[in-house]
Amino acid sequence: MKQRGVDLERTCPDPAGYVQEQAERRVRLGLLVAELVKGQSLQAKPDQLRKQVEEFAQAYENPGELIRYYFSDRNRLAEVEAIVVEQNVVDWVLNTAQVTDKALAFDELMAPG
C-alpha cells in the first residue's frame, strides 16, 4: 500500500490491531451463525439446493448442463449450500425479529459510534 502512495500511519495507525479485531469479529459472527443454524435447523435442504441451482441455470442456454455441473462436484454444491443457508438465516431473522421504531434527530443518527 505504501508503494501506491497510501499513508498507512494516517489511514490505519495500528494495522495489526485492526486485522486482529476484524478476524475476531468474523470468528465470533461465524460461531454465532453456526449455532443459530444448528439450533434452529436452518441447514440447506435438498429441495432448496435443487431450486437454487435451477434458478441459476435459468440464465443459461443449456440449463441441464449447469445443473449437472453443480451436482457433479461436492465443492461446487457447497457454494450453493452456503447461499441457501445464508438465505435461511436471513429469513429466520426477518420472521422472528421484533422491530421498534425510534425517532432520532439527524445529528444523532449520523454521530460516530
PDB file of N, CA and C in Angstrom:
ATOM      1  N   MET A   1       0.832  -1.187   0.000  1.00  0.00           N
ATOM      2  CA  MET A   1       0.000   0.000   0.000  1.00  0.00           C
ATOM      3  C   MET A   1       0.880   1.256   0.000  1.00  0.00           C
ATOM      4  N   LYS A   2       2.026   1.168   0.682  1.00  0.00           N
ATOM      5  CA  LYS A   2       2.929   2.309   0.682  1.00  0.00           C
ATOM      6  C   LYS A   2       3.415   2.621  -0.723  1.00  0.00           C
ATOM      7  N   GLN A   3       3.651   1.576  -1.521  1.00  0.00           N
ATOM      8  CA  GLN A   3       4.113   1.766  -2.887  1.00  0.00           C
ATOM      9  C   GLN A   3       3.077   2.494  -3.734  1.00  0.00           C
ATOM     10  N   ARG A   4       1.852   2.404  -3.350  1.00  0.00           N
ATOM     11  CA  ARG A   4       0.771   3.081  -4.085  1.00  0.00           C
ATOM     12  C   ARG A   4       0.453   4.457  -3.517  1.00  0.00           C
ATOM     13  N   GLY A   5       1.267   4.894  -2.566  1.00  0.00           N
ATOM     14  CA  GLY A   5       1.104   6.236  -2.030  1.00  0.00           C
ATOM     15  C   GLY A   5       0.125   6.360  -0.885  1.00  0.00           C
ATOM     16  N   VAL A   6      -0.279   5.248  -0.275  1.00  0.00           N
ATOM     17  CA  VAL A   6      -1.213   5.298   0.844  1.00  0.00           C
ATOM     18  C   VAL A   6      -0.425   5.513   2.134  1.00  0.00           C
ATOM     19  N   ASP A   7      -0.797   6.520   2.883  1.00  0.00           N
ATOM     20  CA  ASP A   7      -0.153   6.808   4.163  1.00  0.00           C
ATOM     21  C   ASP A   7      -0.796   5.922   5.228  1.00  0.00           C
ATOM     22  N   LEU A   8      -0.137   4.794   5.503  1.00  0.00           N
ATOM     23  CA  LEU A   8      -0.695   3.822   6.451  1.00  0.00           C
ATOM     24  C   LEU A   8      -0.813   4.381   7.859  1.00  0.00           C
ATOM     25  N   GLU A   9       0.146   5.214   8.245  1.00  0.00           N
ATOM     26  CA  GLU A   9       0.097   5.780   9.600  1.00  0.00           C
ATOM     27  C   GLU A   9      -1.152   6.633   9.792  1.00  0.00           C
ATOM     28  N   ARG A  10      -1.524   7.347   8.743  1.00  0.00           N
ATOM     29  CA  ARG A  10      -2.714   8.196   8.829  1.00  0.00           C
ATOM     30  C   ARG A  10      -4.000   7.390   8.637  1.00  0.00           C
ATOM     31  N   THR A  11      -3.952   6.434   7.699  1.00  0.00           N
ATOM     32  CA  THR A  11      -5.138   5.656   7.377  1.00  0.00           C
ATOM     33  C   THR A  11      -5.484   4.655   8.467  1.00  0.00           C
ATOM     34  N   CYS A  12      -4.471   3.950   8.947  1.00  0.00           N
ATOM     35  CA  CYS A  12      -4.695   2.906   9.953  1.00  0.00           C
ATOM     36  C   CYS A  12      -3.478   2.863  10.871  1.00  0.00           C
ATOM     37  N   PRO A  13      -3.514   3.596  11.982  1.00  0.00           N
ATOM     38  CA  PRO A  13      -2.361   3.682  12.864  1.00  0.00           C
ATOM     39  C   PRO A  13      -1.914   2.335  13.443  1.00  0.00           C
ATOM     40  N   ASP A  14      -2.815   1.387  13.592  1.00  0.00           N
ATOM     41  CA  ASP A  14      -2.478   0.076  14.168  1.00  0.00           C
ATOM     42  C   ASP A  14      -3.006  -1.027  13.261  1.00  0.00           C
ATOM     43  N   PRO A  15      -2.325  -1.284  12.117  1.00  0.00           N
ATOM     44  CA  PRO A  15      -2.852  -2.273  11.177  1.00  0.00           C
ATOM     45  C   PRO A  15      -2.973  -3.672  11.772  1.00  0.00           C
ATOM     46  N   ALA A  16      -2.012  -4.077  12.592  1.00  0.00           N
ATOM     47  CA  ALA A  16      -2.079  -5.416  13.192  1.00  0.00           C
ATOM     48  C   ALA A  16      -3.279  -5.520  14.125  1.00  0.00           C
ATOM     49  N   GLY A  17      -3.503  -4.484  14.905  1.00  0.00           N
ATOM     50  CA  GLY A  17      -4.649  -4.481  15.813  1.00  0.00           C
ATOM     51  C   GLY A  17      -5.963  -4.488  15.058  1.00  0.00           C
ATOM     52  N   TYR A  18      -5.999  -3.744  13.955  1.00  0.00           N
ATOM     53  CA  TYR A  18      -7.210  -3.695  13.136  1.00  0.00           C
ATOM     54  C   TYR A  18      -7.509  -5.058  12.530  1.00  0.00           C
ATOM     55  N   VAL A  19      -6.480  -5.699  11.986  1.00  0.00           N
ATOM     56  CA  VAL A  19      -6.660  -7.018  11.369  1.00  0.00           C
ATOM     57  C   VAL A  19      -7.109  -8.028  12.419  1.00  0.00           C
ATOM     58  N   GLN A  20      -6.495  -7.985  13.595  1.00  0.00           N
ATOM     59  CA  GLN A  20      -6.881  -8.918  14.656  1.00  0.00           C
ATOM     60  C   GLN A  20      -8.318  -8.671  15.099  1.00  0.00           C
ATOM     61  N   GLU A  21      -8.687  -7.417  15.237  1.00  0.00           N
ATOM     62  CA  GLU A  21     -10.061  -7.068  15.635  1.00  0.00           C
ATOM     63  C   GLU A  21     -11.066  -7.589  14.615  1.00  0.00           C
ATOM     64  N   GLN A  22     -10.777  -7.392  13.336  1.00  0.00           N
ATOM     65  CA  GLN A  22     -11.669  -7.861  12.279  1.00  0.00           C
ATOM     66  C   GLN A  22     -11.748  -9.386  12.256  1.00  0.00           C
ATOM     67  N   ALA A  23     -10.617 -10.046  12.450  1.00  0.00           N
ATOM     68  CA  ALA A  23     -10.594 -11.510  12.463  1.00  0.00           C
ATOM     69  C   ALA A  23     -11.416 -12.049  13.630  1.00  0.00           C
ATOM     70  N   GLU A  24     -11.245 -11.464  14.793  1.00  0.00           N
ATOM     71  CA  GLU A  24     -12.015 -11.903  15.966  1.00  0.00           C
ATOM     72  C   GLU A  24     -13.507 -11.690  15.740  1.00  0.00           C
ATOM     73  N   ARG A  25     -13.855 -10.571  15.139  1.00  0.00           N
ATOM     74  CA  ARG A  25     -15.267 -10.283  14.857  1.00  0.00           C
ATOM     75  C   ARG A  25     -15.848 -11.325  13.912  1.00  0.00           C
ATOM     76  N   ARG A  26     -15.092 -11.667  12.852  1.00  0.00           N
ATOM     77  CA  ARG A  26     -15.576 -12.655  11.877  1.00  0.00           C
ATOM     78  C   ARG A  26     -15.732 -14.033  12.516  1.00  0.00           C
ATOM     79  N   VAL A  27     -14.798 -14.406  13.387  1.00  0.00           N
ATOM     80  CA  VAL A  27     -14.880 -15.713  14.048  1.00  0.00           C
ATOM     81  C   VAL A  27     -16.081 -15.745  14.976  1.00  0.00           C
ATOM     82  N   ARG A  28     -16.271 -14.683  15.769  1.00  0.00           N
ATOM     83  CA  ARG A  28     -17.435 -14.638  16.669  1.00  0.00           C
ATOM     84  C   ARG A  28     -18.742 -14.714  15.883  1.00  0.00           C
ATOM     85  N   LEU A  29     -18.811 -13.957  14.802  1.00  0.00           N
ATOM     86  CA  LEU A  29     -20.015 -13.963  13.975  1.00  0.00           C
ATOM     87  C   LEU A  29     -20.241 -15.344  13.367  1.00  0.00           C
ATOM     88  N   GLY A  30     -19.172 -15.968  12.873  1.00  0.00           N
ATOM     89  CA  GLY A  30     -19.287 -17.305  12.296  1.00  0.00           C
ATOM     90  C   GLY A  30     -19.779 -18.326  13.305  1.00  0.00           C
ATOM     91  N   LEU A  31     -19.257 -18.249  14.530  1.00  0.00           N
ATOM     92  CA  LEU A  31     -19.701 -19.175  15.579  1.00  0.00           C
ATOM     93  C   LEU A  31     -21.165 -18.938  15.948  1.00  0.00           C
ATOM     94  N   LEU A  32     -21.543 -17.681  16.019  1.00  0.00           N
ATOM     95  CA  LEU A  32     -22.928 -17.336  16.329  1.00  0.00           C
ATOM     96  C   LEU A  32     -23.881 -17.852  15.256  1.00  0.00           C
ATOM     97  N   VAL A  33     -23.533 -17.621  13.999  1.00  0.00           N
ATOM     98  CA  VAL A  33     -24.388 -18.070  12.894  1.00  0.00           C
ATOM     99  C   VAL A  33     -24.439 -19.591  12.851  1.00  0.00           C
ATOM    100  N   ALA A  34     -23.310 -20.259  13.064  1.00  0.00           N
ATOM    101  CA  ALA A  34     -23.290 -21.729  13.063  1.00  0.00           C
ATOM    102  C   ALA A  34     -24.197 -22.284  14.160  1.00  0.00           C
ATOM    103  N   GLU A  35     -24.175 -21.665  15.321  1.00  0.00           N
ATOM    104  CA  GLU A  35     -25.035 -22.115  16.421  1.00  0.00           C
ATOM    105  C   GLU A  35     -26.505 -21.847  16.101  1.00  0.00           C
ATOM    106  N   LEU A  36     -26.791 -20.727  15.482  1.00  0.00           N
ATOM    107  CA  LEU A  36     -28.158 -20.404  15.070  1.00  0.00           C
ATOM    108  C   LEU A  36     -28.652 -21.413  14.044  1.00  0.00           C
ATOM    109  N   VAL A  37     -27.824 -21.721  13.048  1.00  0.00           N
ATOM    110  CA  VAL A  37     -28.197 -22.699  12.018  1.00  0.00           C
ATOM    111  C   VAL A  37     -28.491 -24.042  12.659  1.00  0.00           C
ATOM    112  N   LYS A  38     -27.635 -24.453  13.573  1.00  0.00           N
ATOM    113  CA  LYS A  38     -27.815 -25.744  14.251  1.00  0.00           C
ATOM    114  C   LYS A  38     -29.055 -25.726  15.151  1.00  0.00           C
ATOM    115  N   GLY A  39     -29.178 -24.700  15.962  1.00  0.00           N
ATOM    116  CA  GLY A  39     -30.270 -24.632  16.934  1.00  0.00           C
ATOM    117  C   GLY A  39     -31.646 -24.454  16.313  1.00  0.00           C
ATOM    118  N   GLN A  40     -31.712 -23.801  15.163  1.00  0.00           N
ATOM    119  CA  GLN A  40     -33.000 -23.537  14.523  1.00  0.00           C
ATOM    120  C   GLN A  40     -33.232 -24.408  13.287  1.00  0.00           C
ATOM    121  N   SER A  41     -32.356 -25.373  13.072  1.00  0.00           N
ATOM    122  CA  SER A  41     -32.461 -26.287  11.910  1.00  0.00           C
ATOM    123  C   SER A  41     -32.576 -25.509  10.600  1.00  0.00           C
ATOM    124  N   LEU A  42     -31.628 -24.637  10.373  1.00  0.00           N
ATOM    125  CA  LEU A  42     -31.647 -23.793   9.180  1.00  0.00           C
ATOM    126  C   LEU A  42     -30.724 -24.322   8.077  1.00  0.00           C
ATOM    127  N   GLN A  43     -30.295 -25.575   8.204  1.00  0.00           N
ATOM    128  CA  GLN A  43     -29.437 -26.171   7.186  1.00  0.00           C
ATOM    129  C   GLN A  43     -30.171 -26.193   5.845  1.00  0.00           C
ATOM    130  N   ALA A  44     -29.396 -26.218   4.778  1.00  0.00           N
ATOM    131  CA  ALA A  44     -29.975 -26.281   3.441  1.00  0.00           C
ATOM    132  C   ALA A  44     -30.578 -27.657   3.207  1.00  0.00           C
ATOM    133  N   LYS A  45     -31.793 -27.678   2.731  1.00  0.00           N
ATOM    134  CA  LYS A  45     -32.467 -28.936   2.420  1.00  0.00           C
ATOM    135  C   LYS A  45     -32.258 -29.260   0.938  1.00  0.00           C
ATOM    136  N   PRO A  46     -32.277 -30.541   0.580  1.00  0.00           N
ATOM    137  CA  PRO A  46     -32.032 -30.918  -0.817  1.00  0.00           C
ATOM    138  C   PRO A  46     -32.927 -30.186  -1.824  1.00  0.00           C
ATOM    139  N   ASP A  47     -34.193 -29.999  -1.478  1.00  0.00           N
ATOM    140  CA  ASP A  47     -35.083 -29.314  -2.420  1.00  0.00           C
ATOM    141  C   ASP A  47     -34.710 -27.835  -2.578  1.00  0.00           C
ATOM    142  N   GLN A  48     -34.187 -27.225  -1.518  1.00  0.00           N
ATOM    143  CA  GLN A  48     -33.733 -25.842  -1.611  1.00  0.00           C
ATOM    144  C   GLN A  48     -32.496 -25.739  -2.510  1.00  0.00           C
ATOM    145  N   LEU A  49     -31.587 -26.708  -2.369  1.00  0.00           N
ATOM    146  CA  LEU A  49     -30.388 -26.729  -3.213  1.00  0.00           C
ATOM    147  C   LEU A  49     -30.784 -26.858  -4.682  1.00  0.00           C
ATOM    148  N   ARG A  50     -31.665 -27.797  -4.958  1.00  0.00           N
ATOM    149  CA  ARG A  50     -32.108 -28.032  -6.329  1.00  0.00           C
ATOM    150  C   ARG A  50     -32.758 -26.773  -6.891  1.00  0.00           C
ATOM    151  N   LYS A  51     -33.627 -26.145  -6.096  1.00  0.00           N
ATOM    152  CA  LYS A  51     -34.320 -24.936  -6.549  1.00  0.00           C
ATOM    153  C   LYS A  51     -33.329 -23.807  -6.840  1.00  0.00           C
ATOM    154  N   GLN A  52     -32.319 -23.637  -5.972  1.00  0.00           N
ATOM    155  CA  GLN A  52     -31.334 -22.575  -6.176  1.00  0.00           C
ATOM    156  C   GLN A  52     -30.500 -22.828  -7.422  1.00  0.00           C
ATOM    157  N   VAL A  53     -30.061 -24.058  -7.628  1.00  0.00           N
ATOM    158  CA  VAL A  53     -29.281 -24.393  -8.816  1.00  0.00           C
ATOM    159  C   VAL A  53     -30.130 -24.198 -10.068  1.00  0.00           C
ATOM    160  N   GLU A  54     -31.373 -24.607 -10.017  1.00  0.00           N
ATOM    161  CA  GLU A  54     -32.265 -24.413 -11.166  1.00  0.00           C
ATOM    162  C   GLU A  54     -32.466 -22.932 -11.454  1.00  0.00           C
ATOM    163  N   GLU A  55     -32.520 -22.128 -10.409  1.00  0.00           N
ATOM    164  CA  GLU A  55     -32.662 -20.682 -10.595  1.00  0.00           C
ATOM    165  C   GLU A  55     -31.423 -20.113 -11.289  1.00  0.00           C
ATOM    166  N   PHE A  56     -30.235 -20.557 -10.867  1.00  0.00           N
ATOM    167  CA  PHE A  56     -29.002 -20.143 -11.544  1.00  0.00           C
ATOM    168  C   PHE A  56     -29.037 -20.562 -13.009  1.00  0.00           C
ATOM    169  N   ALA A  57     -29.507 -21.766 -13.255  1.00  0.00           N
ATOM    170  CA  ALA A  57     -29.460 -22.365 -14.593  1.00  0.00           C
ATOM    171  C   ALA A  57     -30.396 -21.681 -15.582  1.00  0.00           C
ATOM    172  N   GLN A  58     -31.416 -20.994 -15.096  1.00  0.00           N
ATOM    173  CA  GLN A  58     -32.385 -20.346 -15.983  1.00  0.00           C
ATOM    174  C   GLN A  58     -31.728 -19.358 -16.941  1.00  0.00           C
ATOM    175  N   ALA A  59     -30.631 -18.775 -16.541  1.00  0.00           N
ATOM    176  CA  ALA A  59     -29.976 -17.761 -17.360  1.00  0.00           C
ATOM    177  C   ALA A  59     -29.077 -18.368 -18.436  1.00  0.00           C
ATOM    178  N   TYR A  60     -28.947 -19.683 -18.455  1.00  0.00           N
ATOM    179  CA  TYR A  60     -28.038 -20.347 -19.404  1.00  0.00           C
ATOM    180  C   TYR A  60     -28.796 -20.981 -20.563  1.00  0.00           C
ATOM    181  N   GLU A  61     -28.112 -21.086 -21.683  1.00  0.00           N
ATOM    182  CA  GLU A  61     -28.694 -21.671 -22.878  1.00  0.00           C
ATOM    183  C   GLU A  61     -29.056 -23.138 -22.661  1.00  0.00           C
ATOM    184  N   ASN A  62     -28.211 -23.856 -21.931  1.00  0.00           N
ATOM    185  CA  ASN A  62     -28.456 -25.267 -21.648  1.00  0.00           C
ATOM    186  C   ASN A  62     -28.515 -25.470 -20.127  1.00  0.00           C
ATOM    187  N   PRO A  63     -29.678 -25.231 -19.513  1.00  0.00           N
ATOM    188  CA  PRO A  63     -29.794 -25.304 -18.055  1.00  0.00           C
ATOM    189  C   PRO A  63     -29.392 -26.664 -17.476  1.00  0.00           C
ATOM    190  N   GLY A  64     -29.731 -27.744 -18.160  1.00  0.00           N
ATOM    191  CA  GLY A  64     -29.408 -29.074 -17.652  1.00  0.00           C
ATOM    192  C   GLY A  64     -27.919 -29.281 -17.477  1.00  0.00           C
ATOM    193  N   GLU A  65     -27.142 -28.689 -18.354  1.00  0.00           N
ATOM    194  CA  GLU A  65     -25.688 -28.812 -18.264  1.00  0.00           C
ATOM    195  C   GLU A  65     -25.165 -28.128 -17.005  1.00  0.00           C
ATOM    196  N   LEU A  66     -25.692 -26.956 -16.698  1.00  0.00           N
ATOM    197  CA  LEU A  66     -25.266 -26.248 -15.498  1.00  0.00           C
ATOM    198  C   LEU A  66     -25.706 -26.998 -14.239  1.00  0.00           C
ATOM    199  N   ILE A  67     -26.899 -27.555 -14.261  1.00  0.00           N
ATOM    200  CA  ILE A  67     -27.383 -28.329 -13.104  1.00  0.00           C
ATOM    201  C   ILE A  67     -26.463 -29.521 -12.863  1.00  0.00           C
ATOM    202  N   ARG A  68     -26.099 -30.235 -13.926  1.00  0.00           N
ATOM    203  CA  ARG A  68     -25.165 -31.364 -13.787  1.00  0.00           C
ATOM    204  C   ARG A  68     -23.802 -30.891 -13.277  1.00  0.00           C
ATOM    205  N   TYR A  69     -23.370 -29.730 -13.766  1.00  0.00           N
ATOM    206  CA  TYR A  69     -22.089 -29.159 -13.353  1.00  0.00           C
ATOM    207  C   TYR A  69     -22.050 -28.983 -11.833  1.00  0.00           C
ATOM    208  N   TYR A  70     -23.084 -28.387 -11.263  1.00  0.00           N
ATOM    209  CA  TYR A  70     -23.117 -28.176  -9.818  1.00  0.00           C
ATOM    210  C   TYR A  70     -23.239 -29.487  -9.042  1.00  0.00           C
ATOM    211  N   PHE A  71     -24.123 -30.358  -9.489  1.00  0.00           N
ATOM    212  CA  PHE A  71     -24.370 -31.580  -8.734  1.00  0.00           C
ATOM    213  C   PHE A  71     -23.287 -32.641  -8.936  1.00  0.00           C
ATOM    214  N   SER A  72     -22.357 -32.426  -9.846  1.00  0.00           N
ATOM    215  CA  SER A  72     -21.295 -33.403 -10.076  1.00  0.00           C
ATOM    216  C   SER A  72     -20.080 -33.172  -9.182  1.00  0.00           C
ATOM    217  N   ASP A  73     -20.059 -32.065  -8.450  1.00  0.00           N
ATOM    218  CA  ASP A  73     -18.901 -31.748  -7.614  1.00  0.00           C
ATOM    219  C   ASP A  73     -19.371 -31.224  -6.266  1.00  0.00           C
ATOM    220  N   ARG A  74     -19.001 -31.910  -5.216  1.00  0.00           N
ATOM    221  CA  ARG A  74     -19.433 -31.544  -3.860  1.00  0.00           C
ATOM    222  C   ARG A  74     -18.986 -30.125  -3.483  1.00  0.00           C
ATOM    223  N   ASN A  75     -17.800 -29.707  -3.941  1.00  0.00           N
ATOM    224  CA  ASN A  75     -17.311 -28.362  -3.612  1.00  0.00           C
ATOM    225  C   ASN A  75     -18.170 -27.276  -4.261  1.00  0.00           C
ATOM    226  N   ARG A  76     -18.557 -27.503  -5.499  1.00  0.00           N
ATOM    227  CA  ARG A  76     -19.429 -26.518  -6.174  1.00  0.00           C
ATOM    228  C   ARG A  76     -20.792 -26.476  -5.493  1.00  0.00           C
ATOM    229  N   LEU A  77     -21.304 -27.631  -5.133  1.00  0.00           N
ATOM    230  CA  LEU A  77     -22.599 -27.677  -4.465  1.00  0.00           C
ATOM    231  C   LEU A  77     -22.521 -27.025  -3.082  1.00  0.00           C
ATOM    232  N   ALA A  78     -21.363 -27.123  -2.442  1.00  0.00           N
ATOM    233  CA  ALA A  78     -21.179 -26.488  -1.129  1.00  0.00           C
ATOM    234  C   ALA A  78     -21.301 -24.968  -1.235  1.00  0.00           C
ATOM    235  N   GLU A  79     -20.883 -24.405  -2.353  1.00  0.00           N
ATOM    236  CA  GLU A  79     -21.037 -22.962  -2.566  1.00  0.00           C
ATOM    237  C   GLU A  79     -22.520 -22.583  -2.597  1.00  0.00           C
ATOM    238  N   VAL A  80     -23.303 -23.379  -3.279  1.00  0.00           N
ATOM    239  CA  VAL A  80     -24.750 -23.140  -3.343  1.00  0.00           C
ATOM    240  C   VAL A  80     -25.361 -23.344  -1.964  1.00  0.00           C
ATOM    241  N   GLU A  81     -24.893 -24.358  -1.272  1.00  0.00           N
ATOM    242  CA  GLU A  81     -25.406 -24.644   0.071  1.00  0.00           C
ATOM    243  C   GLU A  81     -25.181 -23.445   0.995  1.00  0.00           C
ATOM    244  N   ALA A  82     -24.018 -22.809   0.900  1.00  0.00           N
ATOM    245  CA  ALA A  82     -23.730 -21.639   1.731  1.00  0.00           C
ATOM    246  C   ALA A  82     -24.710 -20.507   1.432  1.00  0.00           C
ATOM    247  N   ILE A  83     -25.045 -20.325   0.174  1.00  0.00           N
ATOM    248  CA  ILE A  83     -26.003 -19.285  -0.213  1.00  0.00           C
ATOM    249  C   ILE A  83     -27.383 -19.594   0.370  1.00  0.00           C
ATOM    250  N   VAL A  84     -27.795 -20.845   0.281  1.00  0.00           N
ATOM    251  CA  VAL A  84     -29.111 -21.245   0.790  1.00  0.00           C
ATOM    252  C   VAL A  84     -29.166 -21.102   2.315  1.00  0.00           C
ATOM    253  N   VAL A  85     -28.121 -21.519   3.007  1.00  0.00           N
ATOM    254  CA  VAL A  85     -28.091 -21.393   4.473  1.00  0.00           C
ATOM    255  C   VAL A  85     -28.146 -19.919   4.864  1.00  0.00           C
ATOM    256  N   GLU A  86     -27.386 -19.089   4.167  1.00  0.00           N
ATOM    257  CA  GLU A  86     -27.405 -17.660   4.447  1.00  0.00           C
ATOM    258  C   GLU A  86     -28.820 -17.105   4.275  1.00  0.00           C
ATOM    259  N   GLN A  87     -29.501 -17.505   3.220  1.00  0.00           N
ATOM    260  CA  GLN A  87     -30.868 -17.035   2.998  1.00  0.00           C
ATOM    261  C   GLN A  87     -31.805 -17.558   4.087  1.00  0.00           C
ATOM    262  N   ASN A  88     -31.602 -18.801   4.524  1.00  0.00           N
ATOM    263  CA  ASN A  88     -32.414 -19.354   5.610  1.00  0.00           C
ATOM    264  C   ASN A  88     -32.231 -18.545   6.892  1.00  0.00           C
ATOM    265  N   VAL A  89     -31.000 -18.134   7.184  1.00  0.00           N
ATOM    266  CA  VAL A  89     -30.728 -17.326   8.377  1.00  0.00           C
ATOM    267  C   VAL A  89     -31.399 -15.968   8.249  1.00  0.00           C
ATOM    268  N   VAL A  90     -31.268 -15.334   7.093  1.00  0.00           N
ATOM    269  CA  VAL A  90     -31.897 -14.027   6.880  1.00  0.00           C
ATOM    270  C   VAL A  90     -33.409 -14.141   7.030  1.00  0.00           C
ATOM    271  N   ASP A  91     -34.006 -15.158   6.419  1.00  0.00           N
ATOM    272  CA  ASP A  91     -35.458 -15.352   6.531  1.00  0.00           C
ATOM    273  C   ASP A  91     -35.872 -15.560   7.976  1.00  0.00           C
ATOM    274  N   TRP A  92     -35.097 -16.360   8.711  1.00  0.00           N
ATOM    275  CA  TRP A  92     -35.414 -16.624  10.120  1.00  0.00           C
ATOM    276  C   TRP A  92     -35.362 -15.329  10.922  1.00  0.00           C
ATOM    277  N   VAL A  93     -34.317 -14.535  10.717  1.00  0.00           N
ATOM    278  CA  VAL A  93     -34.181 -13.273  11.454  1.00  0.00           C
ATOM    279  C   VAL A  93     -35.342 -12.338  11.117  1.00  0.00           C
ATOM    280  N   LEU A  94     -35.661 -12.224   9.829  1.00  0.00           N
ATOM    281  CA  LEU A  94     -36.757 -11.332   9.439  1.00  0.00           C
ATOM    282  C   LEU A  94     -38.101 -11.778  10.004  1.00  0.00           C
ATOM    283  N   ASN A  95     -38.295 -13.077  10.131  1.00  0.00           N
ATOM    284  CA  ASN A  95     -39.565 -13.602  10.649  1.00  0.00           C
ATOM    285  C   ASN A  95     -39.660 -13.546  12.167  1.00  0.00           C
ATOM    286  N   THR A  96     -38.535 -13.503  12.861  1.00  0.00           N
ATOM    287  CA  THR A  96     -38.575 -13.556  14.323  1.00  0.00           C
ATOM    288  C   THR A  96     -38.180 -12.246  14.990  1.00  0.00           C
ATOM    289  N   ALA A  97     -37.588 -11.328  14.247  1.00  0.00           N
ATOM    290  CA  ALA A  97     -37.138 -10.065  14.840  1.00  0.00           C
ATOM    291  C   ALA A  97     -38.322  -9.210  15.257  1.00  0.00           C
ATOM    292  N   GLN A  98     -38.148  -8.537  16.347  1.00  0.00           N
ATOM    293  CA  GLN A  98     -39.154  -7.575  16.796  1.00  0.00           C
ATOM    294  C   GLN A  98     -38.577  -6.181  16.554  1.00  0.00           C
ATOM    295  N   VAL A  99     -39.256  -5.418  15.724  1.00  0.00           N
ATOM    296  CA  VAL A  99     -38.768  -4.105  15.326  1.00  0.00           C
ATOM    297  C   VAL A  99     -39.522  -3.037  16.106  1.00  0.00           C
ATOM    298  N   THR A 100     -38.761  -2.085  16.607  1.00  0.00           N
ATOM    299  CA  THR A 100     -39.343  -0.958  17.323  1.00  0.00           C
ATOM    300  C   THR A 100     -38.884   0.320  16.646  1.00  0.00           C
ATOM    301  N   ASP A 101     -39.814   1.149  16.230  1.00  0.00           N
ATOM    302  CA  ASP A 101     -39.469   2.433  15.619  1.00  0.00           C
ATOM    303  C   ASP A 101     -39.006   3.389  16.709  1.00  0.00           C
ATOM    304  N   LYS A 102     -37.992   4.164  16.366  1.00  0.00           N
ATOM    305  CA  LYS A 102     -37.488   5.149  17.316  1.00  0.00           C
ATOM    306  C   LYS A 102     -37.146   6.410  16.535  1.00  0.00           C
ATOM    307  N   ALA A 103     -37.701   7.524  16.944  1.00  0.00           N
ATOM    308  CA  ALA A 103     -37.425   8.798  16.289  1.00  0.00           C
ATOM    309  C   ALA A 103     -36.057   9.300  16.731  1.00  0.00           C
ATOM    310  N   LEU A 104     -35.239   9.689  15.743  1.00  0.00           N
ATOM    311  CA  LEU A 104     -33.913  10.228  16.030  1.00  0.00           C
ATOM    312  C   LEU A 104     -33.720  11.524  15.266  1.00  0.00           C
ATOM    313  N   ALA A 105     -32.986  12.420  15.891  1.00  0.00           N
ATOM    314  CA  ALA A 105     -32.573  13.635  15.173  1.00  0.00           C
ATOM    315  C   ALA A 105     -31.486  13.222  14.188  1.00  0.00           C
ATOM    316  N   PHE A 106     -31.367  13.953  13.094  1.00  0.00           N
ATOM    317  CA  PHE A 106     -30.397  13.626  12.054  1.00  0.00           C
ATOM    318  C   PHE A 106     -28.981  13.570  12.631  1.00  0.00           C
ATOM    319  N   ASP A 107     -28.594  14.537  13.439  1.00  0.00           N
ATOM    320  CA  ASP A 107     -27.241  14.560  14.024  1.00  0.00           C
ATOM    321  C   ASP A 107     -26.998  13.334  14.899  1.00  0.00           C
ATOM    322  N   GLU A 108     -27.992  12.906  15.635  1.00  0.00           N
ATOM    323  CA  GLU A 108     -27.848  11.733  16.483  1.00  0.00           C
ATOM    324  C   GLU A 108     -27.673  10.476  15.639  1.00  0.00           C
ATOM    325  N   LEU A 109     -28.405  10.401  14.554  1.00  0.00           N
ATOM    326  CA  LEU A 109     -28.308   9.260  13.636  1.00  0.00           C
ATOM    327  C   LEU A 109     -26.921   9.191  13.010  1.00  0.00           C
ATOM    328  N   MET A 110     -26.361  10.336  12.649  1.00  0.00           N
ATOM    329  CA  MET A 110     -25.086  10.373  11.944  1.00  0.00           C
ATOM    330  C   MET A 110     -23.876  10.403  12.875  1.00  0.00           C
ATOM    331  N   ALA A 111     -24.100  10.473  14.174  1.00  0.00           N
ATOM    332  CA  ALA A 111     -22.970  10.550  15.129  1.00  0.00           C
ATOM    333  C   ALA A 111     -22.165   9.265  15.090  1.00  0.00           C
ATOM    334  N   PRO A 112     -20.831   9.366  15.138  1.00  0.00           N
ATOM    335  CA  PRO A 112     -19.993   8.161  15.127  1.00  0.00           C
ATOM    336  C   PRO A 112     -20.181   7.358  16.404  1.00  0.00           C
ATOM    337  N   GLY A 113     -20.003   6.025  16.237  1.00  0.00           N
ATOM    338  CA  GLY A 113     -20.033   5.122  17.389  1.00  0.00           C
ATOM    339  C   GLY A 113     -21.369   4.840  17.838  1.00  0.00           C
TER     340      GLY A 113
END
